[in-house]
Amino acid sequence: NAVFEFEGGARFSFTGSWCSPGLETSWNGRWRVSADGGTAL
């Protein structure tokens, strides 16, 4: 689990595992972006 701070104050959180069988995500991961004007998944 990692939380990065970016310039301007944005945060990026990464949660991952390479030993998590069942209901696996894409190799690209599953993304959520929240901005002041809305959200994108």
ModelCIF file with pLDDT and N, C-alpha, C, O atoms, coordinates in Angstrom:
data_MODEL
#
_entry.id   MODEL 
#
_entity.id                         1 
_entity.type                       polymer 
_entity.pdbx_number_of_molecules   1 
#
_entity_poly.entity_id                      1 
_entity_poly.type                           'polypeptide(L)' 
_entity_poly.nstd_linkage                   no 
_entity_poly.nstd_monomer                   no 
_entity_poly.pdbx_seq_one_letter_code       NAVFEFEGGARFSFTGSWCSPGLETSWNGRWRVSADGGTAL 
_entity_poly.pdbx_seq_one_letter_code_can   NAVFEFEGGARFSFTGSWCSPGLETSWNGRWRVSADGGTAL 
_entity_poly.pdbx_strand_id                 A 
#
loop_
_entity_poly_seq.entity_id 
_entity_poly_seq.num 
_entity_poly_seq.mon_id 
_entity_poly_seq.hetero 
1 1  ASN n 
1 2  ALA n 
1 3  VAL n 
1 4  PHE n 
1 5  GLU n 
1 6  PHE n 
1 7  GLU n 
1 8  GLY n 
1 9  GLY n 
1 10 ALA n 
1 11 ARG n 
1 12 PHE n 
1 13 SER n 
1 14 PHE n 
1 15 THR n 
1 16 GLY n 
1 17 SER n 
1 18 TRP n 
1 19 CYS n 
1 20 SER n 
1 21 PRO n 
1 22 GLY n 
1 23 LEU n 
1 24 GLU n 
1 25 THR n 
1 26 SER n 
1 27 TRP n 
1 28 ASN n 
1 29 GLY n 
1 30 ARG n 
1 31 TRP n 
1 32 ARG n 
1 33 VAL n 
1 34 SER n 
1 35 ALA n 
1 36 ASP n 
1 37 GLY n 
1 38 GLY n 
1 39 THR n 
1 40 ALA n 
1 41 LEU n 
#
_struct_asym.id          A 
_struct_asym.entity_id   1 
#
loop_
_ma_qa_metric.id 
_ma_qa_metric.mode 
_ma_qa_metric.name 
_ma_qa_metric.software_group_id 
_ma_qa_metric.type 
1 global pLDDT . pLDDT 
2 local  pLDDT . pLDDT 
#
_ma_qa_metric_global.metric_id      1 
_ma_qa_metric_global.metric_value   97.41 
_ma_qa_metric_global.model_id       1 
_ma_qa_metric_global.ordinal_id     1 
#
loop_
_ma_qa_metric_local.label_asym_id 
_ma_qa_metric_local.label_comp_id 
_ma_qa_metric_local.label_seq_id 
_ma_qa_metric_local.metric_id 
_ma_qa_metric_local.metric_value 
_ma_qa_metric_local.model_id 
_ma_qa_metric_local.ordinal_id 
A ASN 1  2 98.00 1 1  
A ALA 2  2 98.00 1 2  
A VAL 3  2 98.00 1 3  
A PHE 4  2 98.00 1 4  
A GLU 5  2 98.00 1 5  
A PHE 6  2 98.00 1 6  
A GLU 7  2 96.00 1 7  
A GLY 8  2 95.00 1 8  
A GLY 9  2 96.00 1 9  
A ALA 10 2 98.00 1 10 
A ARG 11 2 98.00 1 11 
A PHE 12 2 98.00 1 12 
A SER 13 2 98.00 1 13 
A PHE 14 2 98.00 1 14 
A THR 15 2 98.00 1 15 
A GLY 16 2 98.00 1 16 
A SER 17 2 98.00 1 17 
A TRP 18 2 97.00 1 18 
A CYS 19 2 97.00 1 19 
A SER 20 2 97.00 1 20 
A PRO 21 2 96.00 1 21 
A GLY 22 2 97.00 1 22 
A LEU 23 2 98.00 1 23 
A GLU 24 2 98.00 1 24 
A THR 25 2 98.00 1 25 
A SER 26 2 97.00 1 26 
A TRP 27 2 96.00 1 27 
A ASN 28 2 96.00 1 28 
A GLY 29 2 97.00 1 29 
A ARG 30 2 98.00 1 30 
A TRP 31 2 98.00 1 31 
A ARG 32 2 98.00 1 32 
A VAL 33 2 98.00 1 33 
A SER 34 2 98.00 1 34 
A ALA 35 2 97.00 1 35 
A ASP 36 2 96.00 1 36 
A GLY 37 2 97.00 1 37 
A GLY 38 2 97.00 1 38 
A THR 39 2 98.00 1 39 
A ALA 40 2 98.00 1 40 
A LEU 41 2 98.00 1 41 
#
loop_
_atom_site.group_PDB 
_atom_site.id 
_atom_site.type_symbol 
_atom_site.label_atom_id 
_atom_site.label_alt_id 
_atom_site.label_comp_id 
_atom_site.label_asym_id 
_atom_site.label_entity_id 
_atom_site.label_seq_id 
_atom_site.pdbx_PDB_ins_code 
_atom_site.Cartn_x 
_atom_site.Cartn_y 
_atom_site.Cartn_z 
_atom_site.occupancy 
_atom_site.B_iso_or_equiv 
_atom_site.pdbx_formal_charge 
_atom_site.auth_seq_id 
_atom_site.auth_comp_id 
_atom_site.auth_asym_id 
_atom_site.auth_atom_id 
_atom_site.pdbx_PDB_model_num 
ATOM 1   N N  . ASN A 1 1  ? 0.867   -1.174  0.000   1.00 98.00 ? 1  ASN A N  1 
ATOM 2   C CA . ASN A 1 1  ? 0.000   0.000   0.000   1.00 98.00 ? 1  ASN A CA 1 
ATOM 3   C C  . ASN A 1 1  ? 0.905   1.224   0.000   1.00 98.00 ? 1  ASN A C  1 
ATOM 4   O O  . ASN A 1 1  ? 1.796   1.335   0.841   1.00 98.00 ? 1  ASN A O  1 
ATOM 5   N N  . ALA A 1 2  ? 0.685   2.134   -0.927  1.00 98.00 ? 2  ALA A N  1 
ATOM 6   C CA . ALA A 1 2  ? 1.523   3.319   -1.018  1.00 98.00 ? 2  ALA A CA 1 
ATOM 7   C C  . ALA A 1 2  ? 0.656   4.549   -1.250  1.00 98.00 ? 2  ALA A C  1 
ATOM 8   O O  . ALA A 1 2  ? -0.305  4.503   -2.019  1.00 98.00 ? 2  ALA A O  1 
ATOM 9   N N  . VAL A 1 3  ? 0.994   5.640   -0.589  1.00 98.00 ? 3  VAL A N  1 
ATOM 10  C CA . VAL A 1 3  ? 0.317   6.919   -0.801  1.00 98.00 ? 3  VAL A CA 1 
ATOM 11  C C  . VAL A 1 3  ? 1.365   7.956   -1.188  1.00 98.00 ? 3  VAL A C  1 
ATOM 12  O O  . VAL A 1 3  ? 2.286   8.238   -0.422  1.00 98.00 ? 3  VAL A O  1 
ATOM 13  N N  . PHE A 1 4  ? 1.215   8.518   -2.382  1.00 98.00 ? 4  PHE A N  1 
ATOM 14  C CA . PHE A 1 4  ? 2.116   9.546   -2.893  1.00 98.00 ? 4  PHE A CA 1 
ATOM 15  C C  . PHE A 1 4  ? 1.458   10.916  -2.798  1.00 98.00 ? 4  PHE A C  1 
ATOM 16  O O  . PHE A 1 4  ? 0.271   11.068  -3.085  1.00 98.00 ? 4  PHE A O  1 
ATOM 17  N N  . GLU A 1 5  ? 2.232   11.896  -2.400  1.00 98.00 ? 5  GLU A N  1 
ATOM 18  C CA . GLU A 1 5  ? 1.814   13.289  -2.521  1.00 98.00 ? 5  GLU A CA 1 
ATOM 19  C C  . GLU A 1 5  ? 2.415   13.852  -3.795  1.00 98.00 ? 5  GLU A C  1 
ATOM 20  O O  . GLU A 1 5  ? 3.577   13.592  -4.105  1.00 98.00 ? 5  GLU A O  1 
ATOM 21  N N  . PHE A 1 6  ? 1.621   14.629  -4.540  1.00 98.00 ? 6  PHE A N  1 
ATOM 22  C CA . PHE A 1 6  ? 2.079   15.257  -5.774  1.00 98.00 ? 6  PHE A CA 1 
ATOM 23  C C  . PHE A 1 6  ? 2.112   16.765  -5.611  1.00 98.00 ? 6  PHE A C  1 
ATOM 24  O O  . PHE A 1 6  ? 1.470   17.319  -4.718  1.00 98.00 ? 6  PHE A O  1 
ATOM 25  N N  . GLU A 1 7  ? 2.862   17.424  -6.479  1.00 96.00 ? 7  GLU A N  1 
ATOM 26  C CA . GLU A 1 7  ? 2.882   18.886  -6.501  1.00 96.00 ? 7  GLU A CA 1 
ATOM 27  C C  . GLU A 1 7  ? 1.446   19.402  -6.639  1.00 96.00 ? 7  GLU A C  1 
ATOM 28  O O  . GLU A 1 7  ? 0.662   18.871  -7.426  1.00 96.00 ? 7  GLU A O  1 
ATOM 29  N N  . GLY A 1 8  ? 1.116   20.420  -5.884  1.00 95.00 ? 8  GLY A N  1 
ATOM 30  C CA . GLY A 1 8  ? -0.233  20.956  -5.912  1.00 95.00 ? 8  GLY A CA 1 
ATOM 31  C C  . GLY A 1 8  ? -1.155  20.306  -4.899  1.00 95.00 ? 8  GLY A C  1 
ATOM 32  O O  . GLY A 1 8  ? -2.293  20.743  -4.730  1.00 95.00 ? 8  GLY A O  1 
ATOM 33  N N  . GLY A 1 9  ? -0.674  19.252  -4.213  1.00 96.00 ? 9  GLY A N  1 
ATOM 34  C CA . GLY A 1 9  ? -1.445  18.650  -3.138  1.00 96.00 ? 9  GLY A CA 1 
ATOM 35  C C  . GLY A 1 9  ? -2.232  17.408  -3.484  1.00 96.00 ? 9  GLY A C  1 
ATOM 36  O O  . GLY A 1 9  ? -2.808  16.792  -2.587  1.00 96.00 ? 9  GLY A O  1 
ATOM 37  N N  . ALA A 1 10 ? -2.284  17.010  -4.748  1.00 98.00 ? 10 ALA A N  1 
ATOM 38  C CA . ALA A 1 10 ? -3.018  15.792  -5.109  1.00 98.00 ? 10 ALA A CA 1 
ATOM 39  C C  . ALA A 1 10 ? -2.377  14.572  -4.455  1.00 98.00 ? 10 ALA A C  1 
ATOM 40  O O  . ALA A 1 10 ? -1.170  14.547  -4.213  1.00 98.00 ? 10 ALA A O  1 
ATOM 41  N N  . ARG A 1 11 ? -3.193  13.566  -4.172  1.00 98.00 ? 11 ARG A N  1 
ATOM 42  C CA . ARG A 1 11 ? -2.714  12.308  -3.602  1.00 98.00 ? 11 ARG A CA 1 
ATOM 43  C C  . ARG A 1 11 ? -3.023  11.155  -4.553  1.00 98.00 ? 11 ARG A C  1 
ATOM 44  O O  . ARG A 1 11 ? -4.076  11.109  -5.189  1.00 98.00 ? 11 ARG A O  1 
ATOM 45  N N  . PHE A 1 12 ? -2.067  10.225  -4.629  1.00 98.00 ? 12 PHE A N  1 
ATOM 46  C CA . PHE A 1 12 ? -2.254  8.986   -5.387  1.00 98.00 ? 12 PHE A CA 1 
ATOM 47  C C  . PHE A 1 12 ? -2.064  7.817   -4.441  1.00 98.00 ? 12 PHE A C  1 
ATOM 48  O O  . PHE A 1 12 ? -1.009  7.677   -3.823  1.00 98.00 ? 12 PHE A O  1 
ATOM 49  N N  . SER A 1 13 ? -3.089  6.973   -4.325  1.00 98.00 ? 13 SER A N  1 
ATOM 50  C CA . SER A 1 13 ? -2.993  5.795   -3.470  1.00 98.00 ? 13 SER A CA 1 
ATOM 51  C C  . SER A 1 13 ? -2.996  4.534   -4.325  1.00 98.00 ? 13 SER A C  1 
ATOM 52  O O  . SER A 1 13 ? -3.832  4.357   -5.212  1.00 98.00 ? 13 SER A O  1 
ATOM 53  N N  . PHE A 1 14 ? -2.041  3.672   -4.032  1.00 98.00 ? 14 PHE A N  1 
ATOM 54  C CA . PHE A 1 14 ? -1.895  2.398   -4.742  1.00 98.00 ? 14 PHE A CA 1 
ATOM 55  C C  . PHE A 1 14 ? -2.034  1.271   -3.742  1.00 98.00 ? 14 PHE A C  1 
ATOM 56  O O  . PHE A 1 14 ? -1.351  1.246   -2.718  1.00 98.00 ? 14 PHE A O  1 
ATOM 57  N N  . THR A 1 15 ? -2.923  0.339   -4.044  1.00 98.00 ? 15 THR A N  1 
ATOM 58  C CA . THR A 1 15 ? -3.088  -0.868  -3.241  1.00 98.00 ? 15 THR A CA 1 
ATOM 59  C C  . THR A 1 15 ? -2.974  -2.056  -4.173  1.00 98.00 ? 15 THR A C  1 
ATOM 60  O O  . THR A 1 15 ? -3.739  -2.164  -5.131  1.00 98.00 ? 15 THR A O  1 
ATOM 61  N N  . GLY A 1 16 ? -2.033  -2.953  -3.910  1.00 98.00 ? 16 GLY A N  1 
ATOM 62  C CA . GLY A 1 16 ? -1.851  -4.037  -4.855  1.00 98.00 ? 16 GLY A CA 1 
ATOM 63  C C  . GLY A 1 16 ? -1.324  -5.313  -4.238  1.00 98.00 ? 16 GLY A C  1 
ATOM 64  O O  . GLY A 1 16 ? -0.772  -5.316  -3.138  1.00 98.00 ? 16 GLY A O  1 
ATOM 65  N N  . SER A 1 17 ? -1.507  -6.398  -4.973  1.00 98.00 ? 17 SER A N  1 
ATOM 66  C CA . SER A 1 17 ? -1.006  -7.707  -4.552  1.00 98.00 ? 17 SER A CA 1 
ATOM 67  C C  . SER A 1 17 ? -0.787  -8.573  -5.781  1.00 98.00 ? 17 SER A C  1 
ATOM 68  O O  . SER A 1 17 ? -1.563  -8.548  -6.736  1.00 98.00 ? 17 SER A O  1 
ATOM 69  N N  . TRP A 1 18 ? 0.296   -9.341  -5.724  1.00 97.00 ? 18 TRP A N  1 
ATOM 70  C CA . TRP A 1 18 ? 0.563   -10.324 -6.772  1.00 97.00 ? 18 TRP A CA 1 
ATOM 71  C C  . TRP A 1 18 ? 0.254   -11.749 -6.297  1.00 97.00 ? 18 TRP A C  1 
ATOM 72  O O  . TRP A 1 18 ? 0.610   -12.722 -6.961  1.00 97.00 ? 18 TRP A O  1 
ATOM 73  N N  . CYS A 1 19 ? -0.404  -11.858 -5.157  1.00 97.00 ? 19 CYS A N  1 
ATOM 74  C CA . CYS A 1 19 ? -0.810  -13.184 -4.681  1.00 97.00 ? 19 CYS A CA 1 
ATOM 75  C C  . CYS A 1 19 ? -2.258  -13.109 -4.194  1.00 97.00 ? 19 CYS A C  1 
ATOM 76  O O  . CYS A 1 19 ? -2.569  -13.486 -3.064  1.00 97.00 ? 19 CYS A O  1 
ATOM 77  N N  . SER A 1 20 ? -3.132  -12.616 -5.069  1.00 97.00 ? 20 SER A N  1 
ATOM 78  C CA . SER A 1 20 ? -4.538  -12.403 -4.724  1.00 97.00 ? 20 SER A CA 1 
ATOM 79  C C  . SER A 1 20 ? -5.441  -13.135 -5.720  1.00 97.00 ? 20 SER A C  1 
ATOM 80  O O  . SER A 1 20 ? -5.994  -12.505 -6.622  1.00 97.00 ? 20 SER A O  1 
ATOM 81  N N  . PRO A 1 21 ? -5.598  -14.454 -5.571  1.00 96.00 ? 21 PRO A N  1 
ATOM 82  C CA . PRO A 1 21 ? -6.413  -15.220 -6.527  1.00 96.00 ? 21 PRO A CA 1 
ATOM 83  C C  . PRO A 1 21 ? -7.898  -14.922 -6.367  1.00 96.00 ? 21 PRO A C  1 
ATOM 84  O O  . PRO A 1 21 ? -8.391  -14.705 -5.260  1.00 96.00 ? 21 PRO A O  1 
ATOM 85  N N  . GLY A 1 22 ? -8.592  -14.917 -7.484  1.00 97.00 ? 22 GLY A N  1 
ATOM 86  C CA . GLY A 1 22 ? -10.033 -14.687 -7.479  1.00 97.00 ? 22 GLY A CA 1 
ATOM 87  C C  . GLY A 1 22 ? -10.391 -13.226 -7.687  1.00 97.00 ? 22 GLY A C  1 
ATOM 88  O O  . GLY A 1 22 ? -9.803  -12.343 -7.063  1.00 97.00 ? 22 GLY A O  1 
ATOM 89  N N  . LEU A 1 23 ? -11.357 -12.968 -8.566  1.00 98.00 ? 23 LEU A N  1 
ATOM 90  C CA . LEU A 1 23 ? -11.847 -11.618 -8.839  1.00 98.00 ? 23 LEU A CA 1 
ATOM 91  C C  . LEU A 1 23 ? -10.692 -10.651 -9.125  1.00 98.00 ? 23 LEU A C  1 
ATOM 92  O O  . LEU A 1 23 ? -10.629 -9.548  -8.582  1.00 98.00 ? 23 LEU A O  1 
ATOM 93  N N  . GLU A 1 24 ? -9.805  -11.091 -9.974  1.00 98.00 ? 24 GLU A N  1 
ATOM 94  C CA . GLU A 1 24 ? -8.618  -10.295 -10.262 1.00 98.00 ? 24 GLU A CA 1 
ATOM 95  C C  . GLU A 1 24 ? -8.956  -9.038  -11.065 1.00 98.00 ? 24 GLU A C  1 
ATOM 96  O O  . GLU A 1 24 ? -9.932  -9.011  -11.815 1.00 98.00 ? 24 GLU A O  1 
ATOM 97  N N  . THR A 1 25 ? -8.139  -8.008  -10.898 1.00 98.00 ? 25 THR A N  1 
ATOM 98  C CA . THR A 1 25 ? -8.298  -6.789  -11.672 1.00 98.00 ? 25 THR A CA 1 
ATOM 99  C C  . THR A 1 25 ? -7.624  -6.951  -13.032 1.00 98.00 ? 25 THR A C  1 
ATOM 100 O O  . THR A 1 25 ? -6.987  -7.967  -13.310 1.00 98.00 ? 25 THR A O  1 
ATOM 101 N N  . SER A 1 26 ? -7.778  -5.939  -13.862 1.00 97.00 ? 26 SER A N  1 
ATOM 102 C CA . SER A 1 26 ? -7.006  -5.828  -15.097 1.00 97.00 ? 26 SER A CA 1 
ATOM 103 C C  . SER A 1 26 ? -5.525  -5.712  -14.769 1.00 97.00 ? 26 SER A C  1 
ATOM 104 O O  . SER A 1 26 ? -5.161  -5.312  -13.663 1.00 97.00 ? 26 SER A O  1 
ATOM 105 N N  . TRP A 1 27 ? -4.680  -6.058  -15.713 1.00 96.00 ? 27 TRP A N  1 
ATOM 106 C CA . TRP A 1 27 ? -3.250  -5.816  -15.551 1.00 96.00 ? 27 TRP A CA 1 
ATOM 107 C C  . TRP A 1 27 ? -2.959  -4.320  -15.467 1.00 96.00 ? 27 TRP A C  1 
ATOM 108 O O  . TRP A 1 27 ? -1.906  -3.924  -14.969 1.00 96.00 ? 27 TRP A O  1 
ATOM 109 N N  . ASN A 1 28 ? -3.868  -3.499  -15.944 1.00 96.00 ? 28 ASN A N  1 
ATOM 110 C CA . ASN A 1 28 ? -3.699  -2.053  -15.814 1.00 96.00 ? 28 ASN A CA 1 
ATOM 111 C C  . ASN A 1 28 ? -4.150  -1.542  -14.448 1.00 96.00 ? 28 ASN A C  1 
ATOM 112 O O  . ASN A 1 28 ? -3.856  -0.402  -14.087 1.00 96.00 ? 28 ASN A O  1 
ATOM 113 N N  . GLY A 1 29 ? -4.858  -2.371  -13.690 1.00 97.00 ? 29 GLY A N  1 
ATOM 114 C CA . GLY A 1 29 ? -5.412  -1.932  -12.420 1.00 97.00 ? 29 GLY A CA 1 
ATOM 115 C C  . GLY A 1 29 ? -6.786  -1.317  -12.598 1.00 97.00 ? 29 GLY A C  1 
ATOM 116 O O  . GLY A 1 29 ? -7.260  -1.133  -13.719 1.00 97.00 ? 29 GLY A O  1 
ATOM 117 N N  . ARG A 1 30 ? -7.416  -1.004  -11.481 1.00 98.00 ? 30 ARG A N  1 
ATOM 118 C CA . ARG A 1 30 ? -8.749  -0.381  -11.470 1.00 98.00 ? 30 ARG A CA 1 
ATOM 119 C C  . ARG A 1 30 ? -8.600  1.025   -10.888 1.00 98.00 ? 30 ARG A C  1 
ATOM 120 O O  . ARG A 1 30 ? -8.086  1.190   -9.782  1.00 98.00 ? 30 ARG A O  1 
ATOM 121 N N  . TRP A 1 31 ? -9.057  2.050   -11.643 1.00 98.00 ? 31 TRP A N  1 
ATOM 122 C CA . TRP A 1 31 ? -8.738  3.442   -11.348 1.00 98.00 ? 31 TRP A CA 1 
ATOM 123 C C  . TRP A 1 31 ? -9.970  4.271   -10.985 1.00 98.00 ? 31 TRP A C  1 
ATOM 124 O O  . TRP A 1 31 ? -11.069 4.041   -11.491 1.00 98.00 ? 31 TRP A O  1 
ATOM 125 N N  . ARG A 1 32 ? -9.752  5.246   -10.088 1.00 98.00 ? 32 ARG A N  1 
ATOM 126 C CA . ARG A 1 32 ? -10.748 6.257   -9.756  1.00 98.00 ? 32 ARG A CA 1 
ATOM 127 C C  . ARG A 1 32 ? -10.037 7.600   -9.637  1.00 98.00 ? 32 ARG A C  1 
ATOM 128 O O  . ARG A 1 32 ? -9.065  7.726   -8.893  1.00 98.00 ? 32 ARG A O  1 
ATOM 129 N N  . VAL A 1 33 ? -10.514 8.590   -10.359 1.00 98.00 ? 33 VAL A N  1 
ATOM 130 C CA . VAL A 1 33 ? -9.963  9.939   -10.301 1.00 98.00 ? 33 VAL A CA 1 
ATOM 131 C C  . VAL A 1 33 ? -11.074 10.872  -9.830  1.00 98.00 ? 33 VAL A C  1 
ATOM 132 O O  . VAL A 1 33 ? -12.154 10.925  -10.418 1.00 98.00 ? 33 VAL A O  1 
ATOM 133 N N  . SER A 1 34 ? -10.783 11.606  -8.755  1.00 98.00 ? 34 SER A N  1 
ATOM 134 C CA . SER A 1 34 ? -11.741 12.564  -8.214  1.00 98.00 ? 34 SER A CA 1 
ATOM 135 C C  . SER A 1 34 ? -11.182 13.966  -8.375  1.00 98.00 ? 34 SER A C  1 
ATOM 136 O O  . SER A 1 34 ? -10.071 14.251  -7.926  1.00 98.00 ? 34 SER A O  1 
ATOM 137 N N  . ALA A 1 35 ? -11.950 14.844  -9.016  1.00 97.00 ? 35 ALA A N  1 
ATOM 138 C CA . ALA A 1 35 ? -11.537 16.216  -9.260  1.00 97.00 ? 35 ALA A CA 1 
ATOM 139 C C  . ALA A 1 35 ? -12.601 17.172  -8.759  1.00 97.00 ? 35 ALA A C  1 
ATOM 140 O O  . ALA A 1 35 ? -13.672 16.741  -8.331  1.00 97.00 ? 35 ALA A O  1 
ATOM 141 N N  . ASP A 1 36 ? -12.316 18.479  -8.809  1.00 96.00 ? 36 ASP A N  1 
ATOM 142 C CA . ASP A 1 36 ? -13.291 19.423  -8.284  1.00 96.00 ? 36 ASP A CA 1 
ATOM 143 C C  . ASP A 1 36 ? -14.550 19.493  -9.133  1.00 96.00 ? 36 ASP A C  1 
ATOM 144 O O  . ASP A 1 36 ? -15.579 20.004  -8.690  1.00 96.00 ? 36 ASP A O  1 
ATOM 145 N N  . GLY A 1 37 ? -14.465 18.972  -10.367 1.00 97.00 ? 37 GLY A N  1 
ATOM 146 C CA . GLY A 1 37 ? -15.634 19.008  -11.231 1.00 97.00 ? 37 GLY A CA 1 
ATOM 147 C C  . GLY A 1 37 ? -16.326 17.675  -11.442 1.00 97.00 ? 37 GLY A C  1 
ATOM 148 O O  . GLY A 1 37 ? -17.247 17.583  -12.254 1.00 97.00 ? 37 GLY A O  1 
ATOM 149 N N  . GLY A 1 38 ? -15.898 16.624  -10.718 1.00 97.00 ? 38 GLY A N  1 
ATOM 150 C CA . GLY A 1 38 ? -16.545 15.331  -10.887 1.00 97.00 ? 38 GLY A CA 1 
ATOM 151 C C  . GLY A 1 38 ? -15.583 14.172  -10.690 1.00 97.00 ? 38 GLY A C  1 
ATOM 152 O O  . GLY A 1 38 ? -14.481 14.344  -10.169 1.00 97.00 ? 38 GLY A O  1 
ATOM 153 N N  . THR A 1 39 ? -16.012 12.992  -11.111 1.00 98.00 ? 39 THR A N  1 
ATOM 154 C CA . THR A 1 39 ? -15.253 11.756  -10.883 1.00 98.00 ? 39 THR A CA 1 
ATOM 155 C C  . THR A 1 39 ? -15.255 10.898  -12.139 1.00 98.00 ? 39 THR A C  1 
ATOM 156 O O  . THR A 1 39 ? -16.242 10.859  -12.874 1.00 98.00 ? 39 THR A O  1 
ATOM 157 N N  . ALA A 1 40 ? -14.140 10.210  -12.379 1.00 98.00 ? 40 ALA A N  1 
ATOM 158 C CA . ALA A 1 40 ? -14.018 9.312   -13.524 1.00 98.00 ? 40 ALA A CA 1 
ATOM 159 C C  . ALA A 1 40 ? -13.489 7.957   -13.062 1.00 98.00 ? 40 ALA A C  1 
ATOM 160 O O  . ALA A 1 40 ? -12.577 7.886   -12.238 1.00 98.00 ? 40 ALA A O  1 
ATOM 161 N N  . LEU A 1 41 ? -14.072 6.880   -13.600 1.00 98.00 ? 41 LEU A N  1 
ATOM 162 C CA . LEU A 1 41 ? -13.691 5.510   -13.254 1.00 98.00 ? 41 LEU A CA 1 
ATOM 163 C C  . LEU A 1 41 ? -13.240 4.766   -14.502 1.00 98.00 ? 41 LEU A C  1 
ATOM 164 O O  . LEU A 1 41 ? -12.876 3.593   -14.424 1.00 98.00 ? 41 LEU A O  1 
#
